[in-house]
Amino acid sequence: MQILKFGFTGNSKLLTELSTTLGQWWYIFIAAAGSAIVSISASFAGTYDLAKSWNSVSSAISFFSFLQEMPWPWPGLGLGMIMIIYGGKGTYTDQKNLFKTNQELTSENNKIHQLKEKINSISEDSVSLQNELAELQIKLVTTWLKGSARQLKLGTNCRVTIYYYVSEHFYVLARYSQNPKYSEIHRQKFSKNHGVISKAWEHKSCVDIVDIPCYKDDPEKYKNYMFEKYGYPMEKTDKLTMKSCQYVAISIVEADNHMGVIVFESDKRGLLKDQKVAQIQKYCTEYQSYMVDFIYGGIKYDKTVKISSYSDQNVDDEFMKTFGG
């Protein structure tokens, strides 16, 4: 098919652009043309004697001769003046409309700026409210953990932590210990593939209260055990804040949906005996619905505020925190 420049099937925009340009400059063009006509007519009017030519008219034939010979300077002046007035009025109206449009645009821009400021203010308030809700959620769970520790009679050598699971990782929701050093949270994000958390997540529970050596008695044996049983790097064991030798980890489940893990741990042998483990398991069973609600709250509030700011961490570093670092 032959491509035409113009015509019904043509693709040229030349005429459209010309008509648009002509429309934009129409009044200015008319005013300029009127000025030119006035100038030309005025030059003829200066040399033409209208009275003398009119006095020579004595019949119809001479009148038509008068019209034929007349250079029309006066009508030209009139036409030019009309064109100038028309063009000037159109230009004035056009500029007035442009001025009004500019004022409206300026007003709209001011409204948009004010709206942006309101949106920013609302966003800041929303973030602040989200942070407050996250803090309240953490305080609520921490208070519950504190009550749990008291009811289970866990002392300063013990600690309890709730983790929730989101997007292939575990996150600390809350932690409590009578020992303030053990209550500190240095890292938030942990791998799902290592440590006691992972084992409890996969098998519903992980109880290790007998086989773990005490670090104070034999550091090398402790590090070897942690490496062989949980794959924890030996060179990083010394950096752990809490070198626990007893763990009781229980999965938090709702309708077979694993949502998180609660971990009880002690850095002193003999504190978490079989009887205590049974009490912990019974307690977690009774309060499973509470912990599920805590997890939902953690995902709703804590995740939106904090998780997005956590950078991906080295798996070893994550695993170190899993064991209390």
C-alpha atoms as a PDB file:
ATOM      1  CA  MET A   1       0.000   0.000   0.000  1.00  0.00           C
ATOM      2  CA  GLN A   2       1.329   3.409  -0.982  1.00  0.00           C
ATOM      3  CA  ILE A   3       1.725   5.828   1.902  1.00  0.00           C
ATOM      4  CA  LEU A   4       0.324   9.259   1.050  1.00  0.00           C
ATOM      5  CA  LYS A   5       1.530  12.541   2.480  1.00  0.00           C
ATOM      6  CA  PHE A   6      -1.944  14.102   2.435  1.00  0.00           C
ATOM      7  CA  GLY A   7      -5.483  12.850   1.753  1.00  0.00           C
ATOM      8  CA  PHE A   8      -7.888  10.738   3.820  1.00  0.00           C
ATOM      9  CA  THR A   9      -5.268   8.008   4.254  1.00  0.00           C
ATOM     10  CA  GLY A  10      -2.345  10.369   4.672  1.00  0.00           C
ATOM     11  CA  ASN A  11      -0.362  10.621   7.878  1.00  0.00           C
ATOM     12  CA  SER A  12       0.835  14.186   7.595  1.00  0.00           C
ATOM     13  CA  LYS A  13       0.253  16.566  10.476  1.00  0.00           C
ATOM     14  CA  LEU A  14       1.419  19.615   8.546  1.00  0.00           C
ATOM     15  CA  LEU A  15      -2.052  21.075   7.867  1.00  0.00           C
ATOM     16  CA  THR A  16      -3.139  20.423  11.438  1.00  0.00           C
ATOM     17  CA  GLU A  17      -0.049  22.177  12.762  1.00  0.00           C
ATOM     18  CA  LEU A  18      -0.548  25.075  10.322  1.00  0.00           C
ATOM     19  CA  SER A  19      -4.205  25.509  11.296  1.00  0.00           C
ATOM     20  CA  THR A  20      -3.290  25.386  14.983  1.00  0.00           C
ATOM     21  CA  THR A  21      -0.566  28.003  14.487  1.00  0.00           C
ATOM     22  CA  LEU A  22      -2.891  30.195  12.408  1.00  0.00           C
ATOM     23  CA  GLY A  23      -5.597  29.962  15.062  1.00  0.00           C
ATOM     24  CA  GLN A  24      -3.132  30.975  17.796  1.00  0.00           C
ATOM     25  CA  TRP A  25      -1.866  33.995  15.805  1.00  0.00           C
ATOM     26  CA  TRP A  26      -5.186  34.949  14.117  1.00  0.00           C
ATOM     27  CA  TYR A  27      -6.000  38.141  16.023  1.00  0.00           C
ATOM     28  CA  ILE A  28      -2.412  39.379  15.914  1.00  0.00           C
ATOM     29  CA  PHE A  29      -2.304  38.702  12.162  1.00  0.00           C
ATOM     30  CA  ILE A  30      -5.617  40.551  11.574  1.00  0.00           C
ATOM     31  CA  ALA A  31      -4.422  43.563  13.587  1.00  0.00           C
ATOM     32  CA  ALA A  32      -1.116  43.664  11.693  1.00  0.00           C
ATOM     33  CA  ALA A  33      -2.886  43.344   8.321  1.00  0.00           C
ATOM     34  CA  GLY A  34      -5.280  46.142   9.330  1.00  0.00           C
ATOM     35  CA  SER A  35      -2.319  48.390  10.166  1.00  0.00           C
ATOM     36  CA  ALA A  36      -0.800  47.664   6.780  1.00  0.00           C
ATOM     37  CA  ILE A  37      -4.061  48.467   4.972  1.00  0.00           C
ATOM     38  CA  VAL A  38      -4.437  51.717   6.915  1.00  0.00           C
ATOM     39  CA  SER A  39      -0.891  52.725   5.965  1.00  0.00           C
ATOM     40  CA  ILE A  40      -1.405  51.999   2.277  1.00  0.00           C
ATOM     41  CA  SER A  41      -4.819  53.626   2.173  1.00  0.00           C
ATOM     42  CA  ALA A  42      -3.489  56.700   3.936  1.00  0.00           C
ATOM     43  CA  SER A  43      -0.783  57.127   1.304  1.00  0.00           C
ATOM     44  CA  PHE A  44      -3.405  57.092  -1.469  1.00  0.00           C
ATOM     45  CA  ALA A  45      -5.731  59.325   0.464  1.00  0.00           C
ATOM     46  CA  GLY A  46      -3.049  62.021   0.600  1.00  0.00           C
ATOM     47  CA  THR A  47      -2.871  62.353  -3.212  1.00  0.00           C
ATOM     48  CA  TYR A  48      -6.468  61.645  -4.208  1.00  0.00           C
ATOM     49  CA  ASP A  49      -8.949  64.527  -4.545  1.00  0.00           C
ATOM     50  CA  LEU A  50     -12.320  62.997  -3.816  1.00  0.00           C
ATOM     51  CA  ALA A  51     -14.279  66.271  -4.164  1.00  0.00           C
ATOM     52  CA  LYS A  52     -12.892  66.972  -7.610  1.00  0.00           C
ATOM     53  CA  SER A  53     -13.693  63.480  -8.847  1.00  0.00           C
ATOM     54  CA  TRP A  54     -17.198  63.648  -7.421  1.00  0.00           C
ATOM     55  CA  ASN A  55     -17.933  67.018  -9.066  1.00  0.00           C
ATOM     56  CA  SER A  56     -17.242  65.455 -12.434  1.00  0.00           C
ATOM     57  CA  VAL A  57     -20.134  62.996 -11.913  1.00  0.00           C
ATOM     58  CA  SER A  58     -23.147  64.183 -13.961  1.00  0.00           C
ATOM     59  CA  SER A  59     -24.774  60.965 -15.103  1.00  0.00           C
ATOM     60  CA  ALA A  60     -25.035  57.284 -14.328  1.00  0.00           C
ATOM     61  CA  ILE A  61     -22.270  56.515 -16.778  1.00  0.00           C
ATOM     62  CA  SER A  62     -19.934  59.068 -15.198  1.00  0.00           C
ATOM     63  CA  PHE A  63     -20.840  57.698 -11.699  1.00  0.00           C
ATOM     64  CA  PHE A  64     -19.783  54.179 -12.697  1.00  0.00           C
ATOM     65  CA  SER A  65     -16.651  55.693 -14.176  1.00  0.00           C
ATOM     66  CA  PHE A  66     -16.052  57.430 -10.839  1.00  0.00           C
ATOM     67  CA  LEU A  67     -16.364  54.109  -9.005  1.00  0.00           C
ATOM     68  CA  GLN A  68     -14.049  52.393 -11.483  1.00  0.00           C
ATOM     69  CA  GLU A  69     -11.324  55.019 -11.258  1.00  0.00           C
ATOM     70  CA  MET A  70     -11.622  55.562  -7.503  1.00  0.00           C
ATOM     71  CA  PRO A  71      -8.623  53.916  -5.647  1.00  0.00           C
ATOM     72  CA  TRP A  72     -10.790  53.409  -2.542  1.00  0.00           C
ATOM     73  CA  PRO A  73      -8.425  54.986   0.016  1.00  0.00           C
ATOM     74  CA  TRP A  74     -11.210  55.927   2.438  1.00  0.00           C
ATOM     75  CA  PRO A  75     -12.961  52.563   2.531  1.00  0.00           C
ATOM     76  CA  GLY A  76      -9.504  51.035   2.890  1.00  0.00           C
ATOM     77  CA  LEU A  77      -8.887  53.225   5.915  1.00  0.00           C
ATOM     78  CA  GLY A  78     -12.232  52.150   7.338  1.00  0.00           C
ATOM     79  CA  LEU A  79     -11.558  48.464   6.685  1.00  0.00           C
ATOM     80  CA  GLY A  80      -8.091  48.735   8.198  1.00  0.00           C
ATOM     81  CA  MET A  81      -9.442  50.412  11.317  1.00  0.00           C
ATOM     82  CA  ILE A  82     -12.105  47.723  11.681  1.00  0.00           C
ATOM     83  CA  MET A  83      -9.440  45.020  11.351  1.00  0.00           C
ATOM     84  CA  ILE A  84      -7.244  46.759  13.917  1.00  0.00           C
ATOM     85  CA  ILE A  85     -10.130  47.066  16.373  1.00  0.00           C
ATOM     86  CA  TYR A  86     -11.196  43.440  15.755  1.00  0.00           C
ATOM     87  CA  GLY A  87      -7.653  42.129  16.120  1.00  0.00           C
ATOM     88  CA  GLY A  88      -6.963  44.273  19.172  1.00  0.00           C
ATOM     89  CA  LYS A  89     -10.171  43.192  20.882  1.00  0.00           C
ATOM     90  CA  GLY A  90      -9.459  39.536  20.131  1.00  0.00           C
ATOM     91  CA  THR A  91      -5.877  39.856  21.346  1.00  0.00           C
ATOM     92  CA  TYR A  92      -7.051  41.571  24.532  1.00  0.00           C
ATOM     93  CA  THR A  93      -9.677  38.878  25.169  1.00  0.00           C
ATOM     94  CA  ASP A  94      -7.126  36.160  24.441  1.00  0.00           C
ATOM     95  CA  GLN A  95      -4.628  37.670  26.882  1.00  0.00           C
ATOM     96  CA  LYS A  96      -7.402  38.122  29.438  1.00  0.00           C
ATOM     97  CA  ASN A  97      -8.329  34.457  29.097  1.00  0.00           C
ATOM     98  CA  LEU A  98      -4.674  33.444  29.373  1.00  0.00           C
ATOM     99  CA  PHE A  99      -4.295  35.578  32.490  1.00  0.00           C
ATOM    100  CA  LYS A 100      -7.416  33.999  33.995  1.00  0.00           C
ATOM    101  CA  THR A 101      -6.168  30.534  33.098  1.00  0.00           C
ATOM    102  CA  ASN A 102      -2.778  31.288  34.669  1.00  0.00           C
ATOM    103  CA  GLN A 103      -4.512  32.472  37.825  1.00  0.00           C
ATOM    104  CA  GLU A 104      -6.595  29.297  37.941  1.00  0.00           C
ATOM    105  CA  LEU A 105      -3.507  27.152  37.376  1.00  0.00           C
ATOM    106  CA  THR A 106      -1.641  29.043  40.083  1.00  0.00           C
ATOM    107  CA  SER A 107      -4.579  28.547  42.427  1.00  0.00           C
ATOM    108  CA  GLU A 108      -4.726  24.833  41.562  1.00  0.00           C
ATOM    109  CA  ASN A 109      -0.974  24.503  42.087  1.00  0.00           C
ATOM    110  CA  ASN A 110      -1.339  26.106  45.500  1.00  0.00           C
ATOM    111  CA  LYS A 111      -4.150  23.687  46.322  1.00  0.00           C
ATOM    112  CA  ILE A 112      -2.027  20.770  45.140  1.00  0.00           C
ATOM    113  CA  HIS A 113       0.893  21.986  47.250  1.00  0.00           C
ATOM    114  CA  GLN A 114      -1.387  22.292  50.273  1.00  0.00           C
ATOM    115  CA  LEU A 115      -2.808  18.843  49.529  1.00  0.00           C
ATOM    116  CA  LYS A 116       0.707  17.397  49.332  1.00  0.00           C
ATOM    117  CA  GLU A 117       1.540  18.956  52.662  1.00  0.00           C
ATOM    118  CA  LYS A 118      -1.616  17.435  54.158  1.00  0.00           C
ATOM    119  CA  ILE A 119      -0.772  14.052  52.654  1.00  0.00           C
ATOM    120  CA  ASN A 120       2.769  14.249  54.032  1.00  0.00           C
ATOM    121  CA  SER A 121       1.409  15.239  57.423  1.00  0.00           C
ATOM    122  CA  ILE A 122      -1.106  12.383  57.352  1.00  0.00           C
ATOM    123  CA  SER A 123       1.634   9.970  56.252  1.00  0.00           C
ATOM    124  CA  GLU A 124       3.875  11.090  59.085  1.00  0.00           C
ATOM    125  CA  ASP A 125       0.999  10.721  61.536  1.00  0.00           C
ATOM    126  CA  SER A 126       0.255   7.284  60.107  1.00  0.00           C
ATOM    127  CA  VAL A 127       3.869   6.174  60.516  1.00  0.00           C
ATOM    128  CA  SER A 128       3.932   7.582  64.033  1.00  0.00           C
ATOM    129  CA  LEU A 129       0.695   5.786  64.871  1.00  0.00           C
ATOM    130  CA  GLN A 130       2.042   2.591  63.346  1.00  0.00           C
ATOM    131  CA  ASN A 131       5.150   2.869  65.507  1.00  0.00           C
ATOM    132  CA  GLU A 132       3.042   3.455  68.596  1.00  0.00           C
ATOM    133  CA  LEU A 133       0.881   0.432  67.788  1.00  0.00           C
ATOM    134  CA  ALA A 134       4.002  -1.679  67.283  1.00  0.00           C
ATOM    135  CA  GLU A 135       5.410  -0.527  70.612  1.00  0.00           C
ATOM    136  CA  LEU A 136       2.109  -1.248  72.367  1.00  0.00           C
ATOM    137  CA  GLN A 137       2.022  -4.692  70.764  1.00  0.00           C
ATOM    138  CA  ILE A 138       5.562  -5.436  71.980  1.00  0.00           C
ATOM    139  CA  LYS A 139       4.737  -4.164  75.475  1.00  0.00           C
ATOM    140  CA  LEU A 140       1.627  -6.344  75.552  1.00  0.00           C
ATOM    141  CA  VAL A 141       3.541  -9.485  74.572  1.00  0.00           C
ATOM    142  CA  THR A 142       6.467  -8.623  76.856  1.00  0.00           C
ATOM    143  CA  THR A 143       4.044  -8.215  79.772  1.00  0.00           C
ATOM    144  CA  TRP A 144       2.565 -11.622  78.996  1.00  0.00           C
ATOM    145  CA  LEU A 145       6.052 -13.156  78.835  1.00  0.00           C
ATOM    146  CA  LYS A 146       6.884 -11.540  82.168  1.00  0.00           C
ATOM    147  CA  GLY A 147       3.787 -13.114  83.719  1.00  0.00           C
ATOM    148  CA  SER A 148       4.709 -16.458  82.151  1.00  0.00           C
ATOM    149  CA  ALA A 149       8.223 -16.306  83.577  1.00  0.00           C
ATOM    150  CA  ARG A 150       6.858 -15.569  87.034  1.00  0.00           C
ATOM    151  CA  GLN A 151       4.243 -18.303  86.880  1.00  0.00           C
ATOM    152  CA  LEU A 152       6.847 -20.825  85.706  1.00  0.00           C
ATOM    153  CA  LYS A 153       9.333 -19.463  88.250  1.00  0.00           C
ATOM    154  CA  LEU A 154      12.107 -18.673  85.776  1.00  0.00           C
ATOM    155  CA  GLY A 155      15.015 -16.826  87.368  1.00  0.00           C
ATOM    156  CA  THR A 156      17.812 -14.573  86.145  1.00  0.00           C
ATOM    157  CA  ASN A 157      19.551 -17.431  84.318  1.00  0.00           C
ATOM    158  CA  CYS A 158      16.545 -18.009  82.081  1.00  0.00           C
ATOM    159  CA  ARG A 159      14.960 -16.244  79.158  1.00  0.00           C
ATOM    160  CA  VAL A 160      11.828 -16.610  77.036  1.00  0.00           C
ATOM    161  CA  THR A 161      11.392 -15.285  73.470  1.00  0.00           C
ATOM    162  CA  ILE A 162       8.573 -15.348  70.923  1.00  0.00           C
ATOM    163  CA  TYR A 163       9.446 -15.435  67.219  1.00  0.00           C
ATOM    164  CA  TYR A 164       7.018 -15.097  64.306  1.00  0.00           C
ATOM    165  CA  TYR A 165       7.540 -16.395  60.794  1.00  0.00           C
ATOM    166  CA  VAL A 166       7.178 -14.216  57.683  1.00  0.00           C
ATOM    167  CA  SER A 167       8.676 -14.533  54.185  1.00  0.00           C
ATOM    168  CA  GLU A 168      11.148 -17.348  54.824  1.00  0.00           C
ATOM    169  CA  HIS A 169      12.543 -15.795  58.034  1.00  0.00           C
ATOM    170  CA  PHE A 170      11.863 -15.608  61.749  1.00  0.00           C
ATOM    171  CA  TYR A 171      11.567 -12.264  63.541  1.00  0.00           C
ATOM    172  CA  VAL A 172      11.711 -11.472  67.244  1.00  0.00           C
ATOM    173  CA  LEU A 173       8.334 -10.302  68.497  1.00  0.00           C
ATOM    174  CA  ALA A 174       9.205  -9.915  72.187  1.00  0.00           C
ATOM    175  CA  ARG A 175      11.663 -11.195  74.791  1.00  0.00           C
ATOM    176  CA  TYR A 176      11.822 -11.224  78.574  1.00  0.00           C
ATOM    177  CA  SER A 177      14.296 -12.190  81.263  1.00  0.00           C
ATOM    178  CA  GLN A 178      14.792 -11.055  84.837  1.00  0.00           C
ATOM    179  CA  ASN A 179      18.386 -10.533  83.752  1.00  0.00           C
ATOM    180  CA  PRO A 180      18.337  -7.224  81.780  1.00  0.00           C
ATOM    181  CA  LYS A 181      21.391  -8.278  79.799  1.00  0.00           C
ATOM    182  CA  TYR A 182      19.525 -11.283  78.443  1.00  0.00           C
ATOM    183  CA  SER A 183      16.421  -9.222  77.653  1.00  0.00           C
ATOM    184  CA  GLU A 184      18.256  -7.109  75.086  1.00  0.00           C
ATOM    185  CA  ILE A 185      17.461  -7.712  71.424  1.00  0.00           C
ATOM    186  CA  HIS A 186      20.516  -7.218  69.218  1.00  0.00           C
ATOM    187  CA  ARG A 187      19.167  -8.808  66.049  1.00  0.00           C
ATOM    188  CA  GLN A 188      15.663  -9.225  64.701  1.00  0.00           C
ATOM    189  CA  LYS A 189      15.930 -11.538  61.710  1.00  0.00           C
ATOM    190  CA  PHE A 190      16.880 -15.243  61.670  1.00  0.00           C
ATOM    191  CA  SER A 191      17.156 -18.025  59.148  1.00  0.00           C
ATOM    192  CA  LYS A 192      14.532 -20.767  59.097  1.00  0.00           C
ATOM    193  CA  ASN A 193      17.153 -23.433  58.327  1.00  0.00           C
ATOM    194  CA  HIS A 194      19.318 -23.414  61.469  1.00  0.00           C
ATOM    195  CA  GLY A 195      19.141 -23.779  65.212  1.00  0.00           C
ATOM    196  CA  VAL A 196      16.621 -24.788  67.809  1.00  0.00           C
ATOM    197  CA  ILE A 197      14.006 -22.475  66.258  1.00  0.00           C
ATOM    198  CA  SER A 198      14.187 -24.371  62.995  1.00  0.00           C
ATOM    199  CA  LYS A 199      13.881 -27.758  64.697  1.00  0.00           C
ATOM    200  CA  ALA A 200      10.856 -26.652  66.734  1.00  0.00           C
ATOM    201  CA  TRP A 201       9.303 -25.158  63.596  1.00  0.00           C
ATOM    202  CA  GLU A 202       9.713 -28.413  61.694  1.00  0.00           C
ATOM    203  CA  HIS A 203       8.903 -30.906  64.453  1.00  0.00           C
ATOM    204  CA  LYS A 204       6.502 -28.869  66.661  1.00  0.00           C
ATOM    205  CA  SER A 205       8.953 -28.885  69.550  1.00  0.00           C
ATOM    206  CA  CYS A 206      12.644 -29.148  70.384  1.00  0.00           C
ATOM    207  CA  VAL A 207      13.767 -30.044  73.886  1.00  0.00           C
ATOM    208  CA  ASP A 208      17.503 -30.137  74.603  1.00  0.00           C
ATOM    209  CA  ILE A 209      18.151 -29.970  78.372  1.00  0.00           C
ATOM    210  CA  VAL A 210      20.670 -32.769  79.019  1.00  0.00           C
ATOM    211  CA  ASP A 211      23.282 -33.121  76.292  1.00  0.00           C
ATOM    212  CA  ILE A 212      24.506 -29.539  75.862  1.00  0.00           C
ATOM    213  CA  PRO A 213      27.788 -29.005  77.761  1.00  0.00           C
ATOM    214  CA  CYS A 214      28.115 -25.976  80.040  1.00  0.00           C
ATOM    215  CA  TYR A 215      30.272 -23.301  78.470  1.00  0.00           C
ATOM    216  CA  LYS A 216      31.866 -22.273  81.755  1.00  0.00           C
ATOM    217  CA  ASP A 217      32.978 -25.832  82.471  1.00  0.00           C
ATOM    218  CA  ASP A 218      34.357 -26.676  79.029  1.00  0.00           C
ATOM    219  CA  PRO A 219      34.205 -23.971  76.325  1.00  0.00           C
ATOM    220  CA  GLU A 220      35.737 -26.168  73.624  1.00  0.00           C
ATOM    221  CA  LYS A 221      33.303 -29.008  74.243  1.00  0.00           C
ATOM    222  CA  TYR A 222      30.422 -26.537  74.190  1.00  0.00           C
ATOM    223  CA  LYS A 223      31.531 -25.088  70.881  1.00  0.00           C
ATOM    224  CA  ASN A 224      32.013 -28.526  69.335  1.00  0.00           C
ATOM    225  CA  TYR A 225      28.525 -29.566  70.392  1.00  0.00           C
ATOM    226  CA  MET A 226      26.895 -26.464  69.011  1.00  0.00           C
ATOM    227  CA  PHE A 227      28.714 -26.939  65.731  1.00  0.00           C
ATOM    228  CA  GLU A 228      27.921 -30.630  65.357  1.00  0.00           C
ATOM    229  CA  LYS A 229      24.291 -30.466  66.569  1.00  0.00           C
ATOM    230  CA  TYR A 230      23.186 -27.108  65.161  1.00  0.00           C
ATOM    231  CA  GLY A 231      25.898 -26.198  62.639  1.00  0.00           C
ATOM    232  CA  TYR A 232      26.924 -23.122  64.588  1.00  0.00           C
ATOM    233  CA  PRO A 233      30.417 -21.744  63.680  1.00  0.00           C
ATOM    234  CA  MET A 234      32.855 -22.414  66.507  1.00  0.00           C
ATOM    235  CA  GLU A 235      34.694 -19.114  66.124  1.00  0.00           C
ATOM    236  CA  LYS A 236      31.523 -17.148  66.881  1.00  0.00           C
ATOM    237  CA  THR A 237      30.414 -18.999  69.980  1.00  0.00           C
ATOM    238  CA  ASP A 238      32.488 -16.787  72.271  1.00  0.00           C
ATOM    239  CA  LYS A 239      30.527 -13.746  71.050  1.00  0.00           C
ATOM    240  CA  LEU A 240      27.196 -15.079  72.284  1.00  0.00           C
ATOM    241  CA  THR A 241      25.655 -12.923  75.015  1.00  0.00           C
ATOM    242  CA  MET A 242      23.755 -15.873  76.485  1.00  0.00           C
ATOM    243  CA  LYS A 243      25.487 -19.228  76.102  1.00  0.00           C
ATOM    244  CA  SER A 244      22.513 -21.405  76.905  1.00  0.00           C
ATOM    245  CA  CYS A 245      22.883 -25.062  77.783  1.00  0.00           C
ATOM    246  CA  GLN A 246      19.169 -25.861  78.006  1.00  0.00           C
ATOM    247  CA  TYR A 247      16.461 -25.209  75.408  1.00  0.00           C
ATOM    248  CA  VAL A 248      12.718 -25.819  75.290  1.00  0.00           C
ATOM    249  CA  ALA A 249      11.262 -24.590  71.998  1.00  0.00           C
ATOM    250  CA  ILE A 250       7.605 -25.068  71.065  1.00  0.00           C
ATOM    251  CA  SER A 251       5.934 -24.230  67.762  1.00  0.00           C
ATOM    252  CA  ILE A 252       2.979 -21.827  67.748  1.00  0.00           C
ATOM    253  CA  VAL A 253       0.328 -23.376  65.509  1.00  0.00           C
ATOM    254  CA  GLU A 254      -3.179 -22.473  64.387  1.00  0.00           C
ATOM    255  CA  ALA A 255      -5.128 -25.110  62.445  1.00  0.00           C
ATOM    256  CA  ASP A 256      -1.910 -26.847  61.362  1.00  0.00           C
ATOM    257  CA  ASN A 257      -0.510 -23.510  60.217  1.00  0.00           C
ATOM    258  CA  HIS A 258       2.884 -22.949  61.836  1.00  0.00           C
ATOM    259  CA  MET A 259       3.051 -19.256  62.702  1.00  0.00           C
ATOM    260  CA  GLY A 260       5.984 -18.924  65.083  1.00  0.00           C
ATOM    261  CA  VAL A 261       8.039 -20.410  67.910  1.00  0.00           C
ATOM    262  CA  ILE A 262       8.368 -19.692  71.627  1.00  0.00           C
ATOM    263  CA  VAL A 263      11.781 -20.503  73.134  1.00  0.00           C
ATOM    264  CA  PHE A 264      12.630 -21.034  76.825  1.00  0.00           C
ATOM    265  CA  GLU A 265      16.350 -21.244  77.579  1.00  0.00           C
ATOM    266  CA  SER A 266      18.777 -21.316  80.482  1.00  0.00           C
ATOM    267  CA  ASP A 267      22.527 -20.826  80.756  1.00  0.00           C
ATOM    268  CA  LYS A 268      22.672 -22.922  83.919  1.00  0.00           C
ATOM    269  CA  ARG A 269      22.240 -26.691  83.975  1.00  0.00           C
ATOM    270  CA  GLY A 270      19.455 -28.209  86.026  1.00  0.00           C
ATOM    271  CA  LEU A 271      17.005 -25.298  85.953  1.00  0.00           C
ATOM    272  CA  LEU A 272      14.820 -26.762  83.201  1.00  0.00           C
ATOM    273  CA  LYS A 273      14.177 -30.292  84.452  1.00  0.00           C
ATOM    274  CA  ASP A 274      11.634 -32.770  83.092  1.00  0.00           C
ATOM    275  CA  GLN A 275       8.967 -31.546  85.482  1.00  0.00           C
ATOM    276  CA  LYS A 276       9.590 -27.940  84.463  1.00  0.00           C
ATOM    277  CA  VAL A 277       9.526 -28.923  80.784  1.00  0.00           C
ATOM    278  CA  ALA A 278       6.128 -30.577  81.308  1.00  0.00           C
ATOM    279  CA  GLN A 279       4.859 -27.411  83.005  1.00  0.00           C
ATOM    280  CA  ILE A 280       6.111 -25.291  80.092  1.00  0.00           C
ATOM    281  CA  GLN A 281       4.503 -27.562  77.509  1.00  0.00           C
ATOM    282  CA  LYS A 282       1.179 -27.556  79.375  1.00  0.00           C
ATOM    283  CA  TYR A 283       1.321 -23.782  79.800  1.00  0.00           C
ATOM    284  CA  CYS A 284       1.972 -23.234  76.087  1.00  0.00           C
ATOM    285  CA  THR A 285      -0.866 -25.578  75.163  1.00  0.00           C
ATOM    286  CA  GLU A 286      -3.303 -23.701  77.401  1.00  0.00           C
ATOM    287  CA  TYR A 287      -2.243 -20.301  76.084  1.00  0.00           C
ATOM    288  CA  GLN A 288      -1.747 -21.297  72.439  1.00  0.00           C
ATOM    289  CA  SER A 289      -4.617 -19.044  71.292  1.00  0.00           C
ATOM    290  CA  TYR A 290      -3.045 -16.068  73.077  1.00  0.00           C
ATOM    291  CA  MET A 291       0.253 -16.628  71.324  1.00  0.00           C
ATOM    292  CA  VAL A 292      -1.514 -16.969  67.969  1.00  0.00           C
ATOM    293  CA  ASP A 293      -3.128 -13.552  68.536  1.00  0.00           C
ATOM    294  CA  PHE A 294       0.284 -12.141  69.466  1.00  0.00           C
ATOM    295  CA  ILE A 295       1.701 -13.461  66.200  1.00  0.00           C
ATOM    296  CA  TYR A 296      -1.115 -11.897  64.195  1.00  0.00           C
ATOM    297  CA  GLY A 297      -0.469  -8.589  65.914  1.00  0.00           C
ATOM    298  CA  GLY A 298       3.257  -8.892  65.285  1.00  0.00           C
ATOM    299  CA  ILE A 299       2.714  -9.499  61.592  1.00  0.00           C
ATOM    300  CA  LYS A 300       0.203  -6.659  61.331  1.00  0.00           C
ATOM    301  CA  TYR A 301       2.140  -4.000  63.211  1.00  0.00           C
ATOM    302  CA  ASP A 302       5.733  -4.968  63.860  1.00  0.00           C
ATOM    303  CA  LYS A 303       6.336  -6.249  60.359  1.00  0.00           C
ATOM    304  CA  THR A 304       5.091  -3.148  58.532  1.00  0.00           C
ATOM    305  CA  VAL A 305       7.151  -0.853  60.743  1.00  0.00           C
ATOM    306  CA  LYS A 306      10.415  -2.713  61.128  1.00  0.00           C
ATOM    307  CA  ILE A 307      10.935  -5.632  58.781  1.00  0.00           C
ATOM    308  CA  SER A 308      11.204  -3.445  55.690  1.00  0.00           C
ATOM    309  CA  SER A 309      14.213  -1.684  57.224  1.00  0.00           C
ATOM    310  CA  TYR A 310      16.106  -4.870  58.053  1.00  0.00           C
ATOM    311  CA  SER A 311      18.848  -5.685  55.596  1.00  0.00           C
ATOM    312  CA  ASP A 312      19.625  -9.262  54.703  1.00  0.00           C
ATOM    313  CA  GLN A 313      22.021 -10.693  57.225  1.00  0.00           C
ATOM    314  CA  ASN A 314      24.659 -13.351  57.099  1.00  0.00           C
ATOM    315  CA  VAL A 315      23.203 -16.730  58.046  1.00  0.00           C
ATOM    316  CA  ASP A 316      25.913 -17.215  60.678  1.00  0.00           C
ATOM    317  CA  ASP A 317      25.018 -13.914  62.287  1.00  0.00           C
ATOM    318  CA  GLU A 318      21.336 -14.834  62.272  1.00  0.00           C
ATOM    319  CA  PHE A 319      22.089 -18.204  63.802  1.00  0.00           C
ATOM    320  CA  MET A 320      24.228 -16.623  66.501  1.00  0.00           C
ATOM    321  CA  LYS A 321      21.227 -14.555  67.589  1.00  0.00           C
ATOM    322  CA  THR A 322      19.050 -17.659  67.595  1.00  0.00           C
ATOM    323  CA  PHE A 323      21.103 -18.941  70.490  1.00  0.00           C
ATOM    324  CA  GLY A 324      20.947 -15.744  72.458  1.00  0.00           C
ATOM    325  CA  GLY A 325      23.703 -13.576  71.027  1.00  0.00           C
END
